[in-house]
Amino acid sequence: MCDALQTPKIGALTFLLLQAAGATGVWVSDAEALAAVRFAATELKLVLEPGGAVALAALLAGKVPVAGRTAIVMLSGGNIDPALLARALG
């Protein structure tokens, strides 16, 4: 579903930079990605592709600790199949 995120492996330089910064990752399910697409469309009036909504999905699913903190979430991509968008809007 999140085809924009499919990559065979992370680049060596990118890995080193992320490792040095102490970066970590979280995963979201397809259902959580679709819920984020729906939230973006209905609440933010934005059309996002599932891969561009995964950061929002992680935030909405409580997988990123942000209570009492300021958070910035990158949202991107409107390249979503109309049938998938309709499914997300359910």
N, C-alpha and C. Protein backbone atom coordinates (compact mmCIF):
# COMPACT_ATOMS: atom_id res chain seq x y z
N MET A 1 0.81 -1.18 0.00
CA MET A 1 0.00 0.00 0.00
C MET A 1 0.87 1.26 0.00
N CYS A 2 1.92 1.27 0.77
CA CYS A 2 2.80 2.44 0.85
C CYS A 2 3.97 2.26 -0.11
N ASP A 3 3.64 2.15 -1.40
CA ASP A 3 4.66 1.86 -2.39
C ASP A 3 5.73 2.95 -2.49
N ALA A 4 5.42 4.15 -2.06
CA ALA A 4 6.41 5.23 -2.08
C ALA A 4 7.56 4.96 -1.12
N LEU A 5 7.38 4.06 -0.18
CA LEU A 5 8.39 3.78 0.83
C LEU A 5 9.19 2.52 0.54
N GLN A 6 8.89 1.86 -0.55
CA GLN A 6 9.58 0.61 -0.86
C GLN A 6 10.96 0.90 -1.42
N THR A 7 11.95 0.47 -0.70
CA THR A 7 13.33 0.60 -1.16
C THR A 7 14.08 -0.67 -0.76
N PRO A 8 14.97 -1.15 -1.61
CA PRO A 8 15.66 -2.40 -1.27
C PRO A 8 16.57 -2.25 -0.05
N LYS A 9 17.20 -1.09 0.11
CA LYS A 9 18.03 -0.88 1.29
C LYS A 9 18.30 0.62 1.44
N ILE A 10 18.63 1.02 2.64
CA ILE A 10 18.94 2.41 2.92
C ILE A 10 20.35 2.71 2.42
N GLY A 11 20.58 3.92 1.96
CA GLY A 11 21.89 4.31 1.48
C GLY A 11 22.91 4.35 2.62
N ALA A 12 24.16 4.06 2.31
CA ALA A 12 25.21 4.00 3.32
C ALA A 12 25.39 5.34 4.04
N LEU A 13 25.41 6.43 3.29
CA LEU A 13 25.57 7.75 3.91
C LEU A 13 24.36 8.09 4.77
N THR A 14 23.18 7.83 4.26
CA THR A 14 21.96 8.09 5.02
C THR A 14 21.96 7.30 6.32
N PHE A 15 22.34 6.04 6.25
CA PHE A 15 22.38 5.20 7.45
C PHE A 15 23.34 5.78 8.48
N LEU A 16 24.52 6.17 8.05
CA LEU A 16 25.52 6.73 8.97
C LEU A 16 25.02 8.02 9.62
N LEU A 17 24.37 8.87 8.85
CA LEU A 17 23.84 10.12 9.40
C LEU A 17 22.73 9.85 10.42
N LEU A 18 21.83 8.95 10.08
CA LEU A 18 20.75 8.62 11.01
C LEU A 18 21.28 7.95 12.27
N GLN A 19 22.25 7.06 12.09
CA GLN A 19 22.85 6.38 13.23
C GLN A 19 23.54 7.39 14.16
N ALA A 20 24.27 8.33 13.60
CA ALA A 20 24.97 9.34 14.39
C ALA A 20 23.99 10.24 15.14
N ALA A 21 22.83 10.46 14.55
CA ALA A 21 21.82 11.32 15.19
C ALA A 21 20.98 10.55 16.21
N GLY A 22 21.19 9.24 16.31
CA GLY A 22 20.41 8.44 17.25
C GLY A 22 18.98 8.24 16.80
N ALA A 23 18.75 8.30 15.50
CA ALA A 23 17.40 8.16 14.95
C ALA A 23 16.86 6.75 15.19
N THR A 24 15.58 6.67 15.40
CA THR A 24 14.89 5.39 15.53
C THR A 24 13.71 5.40 14.56
N GLY A 25 13.07 4.29 14.43
CA GLY A 25 11.93 4.20 13.52
C GLY A 25 10.77 3.51 14.18
N VAL A 26 9.61 3.71 13.63
CA VAL A 26 8.39 3.03 14.05
C VAL A 26 7.72 2.51 12.79
N TRP A 27 6.83 1.55 12.97
CA TRP A 27 6.09 1.05 11.82
C TRP A 27 4.61 1.32 12.05
N VAL A 28 3.88 1.42 10.95
CA VAL A 28 2.42 1.56 11.03
C VAL A 28 1.80 0.52 10.11
N SER A 29 0.62 0.12 10.45
CA SER A 29 -0.10 -0.86 9.64
C SER A 29 -0.77 -0.16 8.45
N ASP A 30 -1.22 -0.96 7.50
CA ASP A 30 -1.97 -0.41 6.38
C ASP A 30 -3.22 0.30 6.88
N ALA A 31 -3.89 -0.28 7.86
CA ALA A 31 -5.11 0.34 8.41
C ALA A 31 -4.80 1.69 9.05
N GLU A 32 -3.67 1.78 9.74
CA GLU A 32 -3.28 3.06 10.36
C GLU A 32 -2.91 4.10 9.29
N ALA A 33 -2.27 3.66 8.22
CA ALA A 33 -1.95 4.57 7.12
C ALA A 33 -3.22 5.09 6.47
N LEU A 34 -4.19 4.21 6.25
CA LEU A 34 -5.46 4.64 5.67
C LEU A 34 -6.22 5.57 6.61
N ALA A 35 -6.15 5.31 7.90
CA ALA A 35 -6.80 6.20 8.87
C ALA A 35 -6.18 7.59 8.82
N ALA A 36 -4.87 7.65 8.61
CA ALA A 36 -4.19 8.95 8.50
C ALA A 36 -4.59 9.66 7.21
N VAL A 37 -4.73 8.91 6.12
CA VAL A 37 -5.21 9.49 4.86
C VAL A 37 -6.60 10.08 5.07
N ARG A 38 -7.47 9.34 5.77
CA ARG A 38 -8.82 9.81 6.06
C ARG A 38 -8.78 11.06 6.93
N PHE A 39 -7.97 11.06 7.99
CA PHE A 39 -7.86 12.21 8.88
C PHE A 39 -7.37 13.43 8.10
N ALA A 40 -6.37 13.24 7.27
CA ALA A 40 -5.84 14.36 6.49
C ALA A 40 -6.91 14.94 5.56
N ALA A 41 -7.68 14.07 4.95
CA ALA A 41 -8.72 14.53 4.02
C ALA A 41 -9.86 15.23 4.75
N THR A 42 -10.31 14.65 5.84
CA THR A 42 -11.50 15.20 6.50
C THR A 42 -11.20 16.34 7.46
N GLU A 43 -10.05 16.30 8.12
CA GLU A 43 -9.73 17.32 9.11
C GLU A 43 -8.80 18.42 8.59
N LEU A 44 -7.85 18.02 7.75
CA LEU A 44 -6.86 18.98 7.26
C LEU A 44 -7.15 19.45 5.84
N LYS A 45 -8.11 18.80 5.18
CA LYS A 45 -8.48 19.11 3.79
C LYS A 45 -7.29 18.92 2.84
N LEU A 46 -6.52 17.85 3.09
CA LEU A 46 -5.38 17.48 2.25
C LEU A 46 -5.57 16.08 1.71
N VAL A 47 -5.16 15.88 0.48
CA VAL A 47 -5.17 14.54 -0.11
C VAL A 47 -3.74 14.02 -0.08
N LEU A 48 -3.53 12.93 0.64
CA LEU A 48 -2.21 12.33 0.78
C LEU A 48 -2.21 10.90 0.27
N GLU A 49 -1.10 10.48 -0.27
CA GLU A 49 -0.95 9.06 -0.57
C GLU A 49 -0.55 8.37 0.73
N PRO A 50 -0.82 7.08 0.88
CA PRO A 50 -0.51 6.39 2.13
C PRO A 50 0.94 6.53 2.58
N GLY A 51 1.90 6.44 1.66
CA GLY A 51 3.30 6.59 2.03
C GLY A 51 3.61 7.98 2.57
N GLY A 52 2.90 8.98 2.10
CA GLY A 52 3.09 10.34 2.57
C GLY A 52 2.36 10.64 3.86
N ALA A 53 1.58 9.68 4.32
CA ALA A 53 0.79 9.86 5.54
C ALA A 53 1.30 9.03 6.71
N VAL A 54 2.39 8.29 6.53
CA VAL A 54 2.82 7.37 7.59
C VAL A 54 3.30 8.09 8.85
N ALA A 55 3.92 9.25 8.71
CA ALA A 55 4.35 9.99 9.92
C ALA A 55 3.12 10.42 10.71
N LEU A 56 2.10 10.90 10.00
CA LEU A 56 0.84 11.27 10.67
C LEU A 56 0.19 10.03 11.29
N ALA A 57 0.26 8.91 10.59
CA ALA A 57 -0.31 7.67 11.11
C ALA A 57 0.35 7.27 12.42
N ALA A 58 1.68 7.37 12.46
CA ALA A 58 2.41 7.03 13.69
C ALA A 58 2.00 7.95 14.83
N LEU A 59 1.84 9.22 14.54
CA LEU A 59 1.42 10.19 15.55
C LEU A 59 0.01 9.88 16.05
N LEU A 60 -0.92 9.68 15.12
CA LEU A 60 -2.32 9.42 15.50
C LEU A 60 -2.48 8.11 16.25
N ALA A 61 -1.62 7.13 15.94
CA ALA A 61 -1.70 5.82 16.58
C ALA A 61 -0.99 5.80 17.94
N GLY A 62 -0.39 6.92 18.32
CA GLY A 62 0.29 6.99 19.61
C GLY A 62 1.63 6.28 19.64
N LYS A 63 2.23 6.10 18.49
CA LYS A 63 3.51 5.39 18.43
C LYS A 63 4.72 6.31 18.59
N VAL A 64 4.45 7.60 18.63
CA VAL A 64 5.49 8.60 18.82
C VAL A 64 5.13 9.42 20.04
N PRO A 65 5.98 9.44 21.07
CA PRO A 65 5.66 10.18 22.29
C PRO A 65 5.78 11.70 22.07
N VAL A 66 4.63 12.37 22.04
CA VAL A 66 4.65 13.82 21.81
C VAL A 66 3.92 14.61 22.89
N ALA A 67 3.38 13.94 23.88
CA ALA A 67 2.64 14.65 24.93
C ALA A 67 3.52 15.72 25.57
N GLY A 68 3.01 16.94 25.61
CA GLY A 68 3.74 18.04 26.21
C GLY A 68 4.88 18.57 25.37
N ARG A 69 4.96 18.13 24.13
CA ARG A 69 6.05 18.55 23.25
C ARG A 69 5.48 19.15 21.97
N THR A 70 6.28 19.90 21.26
CA THR A 70 5.92 20.40 19.95
C THR A 70 6.38 19.38 18.92
N ALA A 71 5.49 19.03 18.01
CA ALA A 71 5.82 18.03 16.99
C ALA A 71 5.61 18.63 15.60
N ILE A 72 6.48 18.27 14.70
CA ILE A 72 6.34 18.65 13.29
C ILE A 72 6.22 17.35 12.50
N VAL A 73 5.21 17.27 11.66
CA VAL A 73 4.97 16.06 10.87
C VAL A 73 5.01 16.42 9.39
N MET A 74 5.85 15.72 8.64
CA MET A 74 5.95 15.94 7.20
C MET A 74 4.85 15.15 6.50
N LEU A 75 4.04 15.84 5.73
CA LEU A 75 2.97 15.22 4.94
C LEU A 75 3.29 15.46 3.48
N SER A 76 3.14 14.43 2.66
CA SER A 76 3.50 14.61 1.26
C SER A 76 2.72 13.68 0.35
N GLY A 77 2.77 14.00 -0.91
CA GLY A 77 2.26 13.12 -1.95
C GLY A 77 0.75 13.07 -2.06
N GLY A 78 0.25 13.35 -3.22
CA GLY A 78 -1.17 13.22 -3.50
C GLY A 78 -1.42 12.17 -4.57
N ASN A 79 -0.44 11.33 -4.80
CA ASN A 79 -0.53 10.31 -5.85
C ASN A 79 -1.21 9.07 -5.29
N ILE A 80 -2.53 9.16 -5.15
CA ILE A 80 -3.29 8.05 -4.57
C ILE A 80 -4.35 7.62 -5.57
N ASP A 81 -4.49 6.34 -5.75
CA ASP A 81 -5.51 5.79 -6.65
C ASP A 81 -6.88 6.22 -6.12
N PRO A 82 -7.76 6.70 -6.99
CA PRO A 82 -9.08 7.14 -6.53
C PRO A 82 -9.86 6.06 -5.77
N ALA A 83 -9.72 4.81 -6.16
CA ALA A 83 -10.42 3.73 -5.45
C ALA A 83 -9.87 3.55 -4.04
N LEU A 84 -8.56 3.72 -3.87
CA LEU A 84 -7.95 3.61 -2.55
C LEU A 84 -8.36 4.79 -1.68
N LEU A 85 -8.43 5.98 -2.27
CA LEU A 85 -8.90 7.15 -1.52
C LEU A 85 -10.33 6.93 -1.07
N ALA A 86 -11.18 6.43 -1.95
CA ALA A 86 -12.57 6.15 -1.58
C ALA A 86 -12.62 5.12 -0.45
N ARG A 87 -11.77 4.12 -0.51
CA ARG A 87 -11.71 3.11 0.57
C ARG A 87 -11.29 3.76 1.89
N ALA A 88 -10.30 4.65 1.84
CA ALA A 88 -9.85 5.33 3.05
C ALA A 88 -10.96 6.19 3.64
N LEU A 89 -11.70 6.84 2.79
CA LEU A 89 -12.78 7.72 3.27
C LEU A 89 -13.98 6.94 3.74
N GLY A 90 -14.05 5.66 3.29
CA GLY A 90 -15.06 4.70 3.71
C GLY A 90 -16.35 5.24 4.06
